[in-house]
Amino acid sequence: MTEPMQDVQPVTLSSQAFLILCRLYDGCYDELKQNEQLTELVESIANILLAGVETLEKQETKPKNITFPLTLQQVFLLRRLVVDLLAHAPVEGDDKTKQWLQECLTALSGGGGKANAPIS
């Protein structure tokens, strides 16, 4: 049962929120990859995020925002990871990181990502 992969939507995040999302994904990657049903999806997300990081590294002047394409399935999995992390985050902690994670959640929920996090 394969779903069409044409349902691509652009997701825009601040550069810092994008890097936080990449770190989150990197931390979950090995565990996610163990599920054989998710292997292709997990790899496709990893490739997109890695391409974004490589593009950032090549640029002398870092952009404030990054836009990258994700399918609905990719968005769903990333959103689930962010929701889970936010739900288990300690009440006391790095407010800036929580703000960036909230930005990720907003962007992955179709809210564009720019509304909740001012870019400095």
C-alpha atoms as a PDB file:
ATOM      1  CA  MET A   1       0.000   0.000   0.000  1.00  0.00           C
ATOM      2  CA  THR A   2       2.059   2.926  -1.230  1.00  0.00           C
ATOM      3  CA  GLU A   3       0.784   6.468  -1.112  1.00  0.00           C
ATOM      4  CA  PRO A   4       1.456   8.939  -3.920  1.00  0.00           C
ATOM      5  CA  MET A   5       4.534  11.037  -3.210  1.00  0.00           C
ATOM      6  CA  GLN A   6       3.277  14.029  -5.225  1.00  0.00           C
ATOM      7  CA  ASP A   7       1.707  15.654  -2.160  1.00  0.00           C
ATOM      8  CA  VAL A   8       4.710  17.880  -1.519  1.00  0.00           C
ATOM      9  CA  GLN A   9       4.473  21.060   0.493  1.00  0.00           C
ATOM     10  CA  PRO A  10       7.152  23.634   1.220  1.00  0.00           C
ATOM     11  CA  VAL A  11       8.106  24.059   4.873  1.00  0.00           C
ATOM     12  CA  THR A  12       9.866  27.251   5.955  1.00  0.00           C
ATOM     13  CA  LEU A  13      11.875  27.511   9.169  1.00  0.00           C
ATOM     14  CA  SER A  14      14.437  29.901  10.550  1.00  0.00           C
ATOM     15  CA  SER A  15      17.946  28.548  10.059  1.00  0.00           C
ATOM     16  CA  GLN A  16      18.307  27.848  13.769  1.00  0.00           C
ATOM     17  CA  ALA A  17      14.978  25.988  14.006  1.00  0.00           C
ATOM     18  CA  PHE A  18      15.997  23.950  10.957  1.00  0.00           C
ATOM     19  CA  LEU A  19      19.272  22.958  12.638  1.00  0.00           C
ATOM     20  CA  ILE A  20      17.408  22.026  15.845  1.00  0.00           C
ATOM     21  CA  LEU A  21      15.065  19.854  13.771  1.00  0.00           C
ATOM     22  CA  CYS A  22      18.085  18.198  12.158  1.00  0.00           C
ATOM     23  CA  ARG A  23      19.591  17.457  15.581  1.00  0.00           C
ATOM     24  CA  LEU A  24      16.309  16.024  16.812  1.00  0.00           C
ATOM     25  CA  TYR A  25      16.040  13.810  13.745  1.00  0.00           C
ATOM     26  CA  ASP A  26      19.655  12.713  13.982  1.00  0.00           C
ATOM     27  CA  GLY A  27      19.031  11.642  17.578  1.00  0.00           C
ATOM     28  CA  CYS A  28      16.048   9.490  16.532  1.00  0.00           C
ATOM     29  CA  TYR A  29      17.409   8.237  13.211  1.00  0.00           C
ATOM     30  CA  ASP A  30      18.854   4.884  14.310  1.00  0.00           C
ATOM     31  CA  GLU A  31      15.763   3.975  16.302  1.00  0.00           C
ATOM     32  CA  LEU A  32      13.402   4.979  13.486  1.00  0.00           C
ATOM     33  CA  LYS A  33      15.409   3.049  10.918  1.00  0.00           C
ATOM     34  CA  GLN A  34      14.912  -0.191  12.862  1.00  0.00           C
ATOM     35  CA  ASN A  35      11.245  -0.190  11.845  1.00  0.00           C
ATOM     36  CA  GLU A  36      11.333  -1.883   8.430  1.00  0.00           C
ATOM     37  CA  GLN A  37       8.028  -0.329   7.398  1.00  0.00           C
ATOM     38  CA  LEU A  38       9.481   3.168   7.883  1.00  0.00           C
ATOM     39  CA  THR A  39      12.936   2.634   6.344  1.00  0.00           C
ATOM     40  CA  GLU A  40      12.191   4.361   3.026  1.00  0.00           C
ATOM     41  CA  LEU A  41      10.410   7.280   4.719  1.00  0.00           C
ATOM     42  CA  VAL A  42      13.167   7.681   7.317  1.00  0.00           C
ATOM     43  CA  GLU A  43      15.855   7.696   4.618  1.00  0.00           C
ATOM     44  CA  SER A  44      13.977  10.200   2.455  1.00  0.00           C
ATOM     45  CA  ILE A  45      13.679  12.643   5.363  1.00  0.00           C
ATOM     46  CA  ALA A  46      17.344  12.176   6.236  1.00  0.00           C
ATOM     47  CA  ASN A  47      18.344  12.960   2.640  1.00  0.00           C
ATOM     48  CA  ILE A  48      16.278  16.159   2.563  1.00  0.00           C
ATOM     49  CA  LEU A  49      17.622  17.404   5.897  1.00  0.00           C
ATOM     50  CA  LEU A  50      21.193  16.500   4.973  1.00  0.00           C
ATOM     51  CA  ALA A  51      20.884  18.361   1.662  1.00  0.00           C
ATOM     52  CA  GLY A  52      19.666  21.412   3.584  1.00  0.00           C
ATOM     53  CA  VAL A  53      22.594  21.277   5.998  1.00  0.00           C
ATOM     54  CA  GLU A  54      25.082  20.885   3.135  1.00  0.00           C
ATOM     55  CA  THR A  55      23.544  23.878   1.360  1.00  0.00           C
ATOM     56  CA  LEU A  56      23.812  25.956   4.540  1.00  0.00           C
ATOM     57  CA  GLU A  57      27.452  25.006   5.036  1.00  0.00           C
ATOM     58  CA  LYS A  58      28.359  26.152   1.503  1.00  0.00           C
ATOM     59  CA  GLN A  59      26.892  29.625   1.945  1.00  0.00           C
ATOM     60  CA  GLU A  60      29.103  32.400   3.305  1.00  0.00           C
ATOM     61  CA  THR A  61      26.138  34.483   4.438  1.00  0.00           C
ATOM     62  CA  LYS A  62      23.684  32.242   6.222  1.00  0.00           C
ATOM     63  CA  PRO A  63      20.038  32.807   5.259  1.00  0.00           C
ATOM     64  CA  LYS A  64      17.562  33.702   7.988  1.00  0.00           C
ATOM     65  CA  ASN A  65      15.032  31.193   6.673  1.00  0.00           C
ATOM     66  CA  ILE A  66      15.207  27.846   4.942  1.00  0.00           C
ATOM     67  CA  THR A  67      12.435  26.382   2.794  1.00  0.00           C
ATOM     68  CA  PHE A  68      12.493  22.703   1.929  1.00  0.00           C
ATOM     69  CA  PRO A  69       9.945  20.326   0.368  1.00  0.00           C
ATOM     70  CA  LEU A  70       8.315  17.543   2.355  1.00  0.00           C
ATOM     71  CA  THR A  71       5.621  15.032   1.483  1.00  0.00           C
ATOM     72  CA  LEU A  72       2.628  14.686   3.777  1.00  0.00           C
ATOM     73  CA  GLN A  73       4.063  11.447   5.173  1.00  0.00           C
ATOM     74  CA  GLN A  74       7.395  13.140   5.941  1.00  0.00           C
ATOM     75  CA  VAL A  75       5.645  16.080   7.592  1.00  0.00           C
ATOM     76  CA  PHE A  76       3.545  13.731   9.716  1.00  0.00           C
ATOM     77  CA  LEU A  77       6.549  11.795  11.012  1.00  0.00           C
ATOM     78  CA  LEU A  78       8.602  14.931  11.779  1.00  0.00           C
ATOM     79  CA  ARG A  79       5.628  16.606  13.472  1.00  0.00           C
ATOM     80  CA  ARG A  80       5.094  13.495  15.602  1.00  0.00           C
ATOM     81  CA  LEU A  81       8.752  13.579  16.711  1.00  0.00           C
ATOM     82  CA  VAL A  82       8.582  17.279  17.608  1.00  0.00           C
ATOM     83  CA  VAL A  83       5.305  16.840  19.524  1.00  0.00           C
ATOM     84  CA  ASP A  84       6.799  13.928  21.445  1.00  0.00           C
ATOM     85  CA  LEU A  85       9.928  15.881  22.318  1.00  0.00           C
ATOM     86  CA  LEU A  86       7.959  18.928  23.456  1.00  0.00           C
ATOM     87  CA  ALA A  87       5.660  16.721  25.560  1.00  0.00           C
ATOM     88  CA  HIS A  88       8.644  15.202  27.379  1.00  0.00           C
ATOM     89  CA  ALA A  89      10.699  18.386  27.688  1.00  0.00           C
ATOM     90  CA  PRO A  90      11.401  19.492  31.247  1.00  0.00           C
ATOM     91  CA  VAL A  91       9.366  22.470  32.439  1.00  0.00           C
ATOM     92  CA  GLU A  92      12.564  24.270  33.347  1.00  0.00           C
ATOM     93  CA  GLY A  93      15.023  24.403  30.532  1.00  0.00           C
ATOM     94  CA  ASP A  94      16.296  26.133  27.456  1.00  0.00           C
ATOM     95  CA  ASP A  95      13.466  28.455  26.446  1.00  0.00           C
ATOM     96  CA  LYS A  96      15.136  29.314  23.136  1.00  0.00           C
ATOM     97  CA  THR A  97      15.286  25.650  22.124  1.00  0.00           C
ATOM     98  CA  LYS A  98      11.618  25.201  23.072  1.00  0.00           C
ATOM     99  CA  GLN A  99      10.795  28.280  21.018  1.00  0.00           C
ATOM    100  CA  TRP A 100      12.573  26.809  17.978  1.00  0.00           C
ATOM    101  CA  LEU A 101      10.840  23.460  18.475  1.00  0.00           C
ATOM    102  CA  GLN A 102       7.513  25.291  18.684  1.00  0.00           C
ATOM    103  CA  GLU A 103       8.421  27.047  15.433  1.00  0.00           C
ATOM    104  CA  CYS A 104       9.088  23.625  13.874  1.00  0.00           C
ATOM    105  CA  LEU A 105       5.723  22.369  15.096  1.00  0.00           C
ATOM    106  CA  THR A 106       3.918  25.417  13.707  1.00  0.00           C
ATOM    107  CA  ALA A 107       5.632  25.092  10.327  1.00  0.00           C
ATOM    108  CA  LEU A 108       5.005  21.342  10.148  1.00  0.00           C
ATOM    109  CA  SER A 109       1.359  21.965  11.016  1.00  0.00           C
ATOM    110  CA  GLY A 110       1.004  24.252   8.020  1.00  0.00           C
ATOM    111  CA  GLY A 111       1.462  27.527   9.878  1.00  0.00           C
ATOM    112  CA  GLY A 112       4.555  28.675   8.013  1.00  0.00           C
ATOM    113  CA  GLY A 113       6.819  28.658  11.050  1.00  0.00           C
ATOM    114  CA  LYS A 114       7.675  32.345  11.136  1.00  0.00           C
ATOM    115  CA  ALA A 115       4.877  33.581  13.388  1.00  0.00           C
ATOM    116  CA  ASN A 116       6.034  32.224  16.752  1.00  0.00           C
ATOM    117  CA  ALA A 117       9.767  32.818  16.629  1.00  0.00           C
ATOM    118  CA  PRO A 118      11.350  36.181  16.005  1.00  0.00           C
ATOM    119  CA  ILE A 119      14.555  35.870  14.063  1.00  0.00           C
ATOM    120  CA  SER A 120      17.498  37.765  15.490  1.00  0.00           C
END
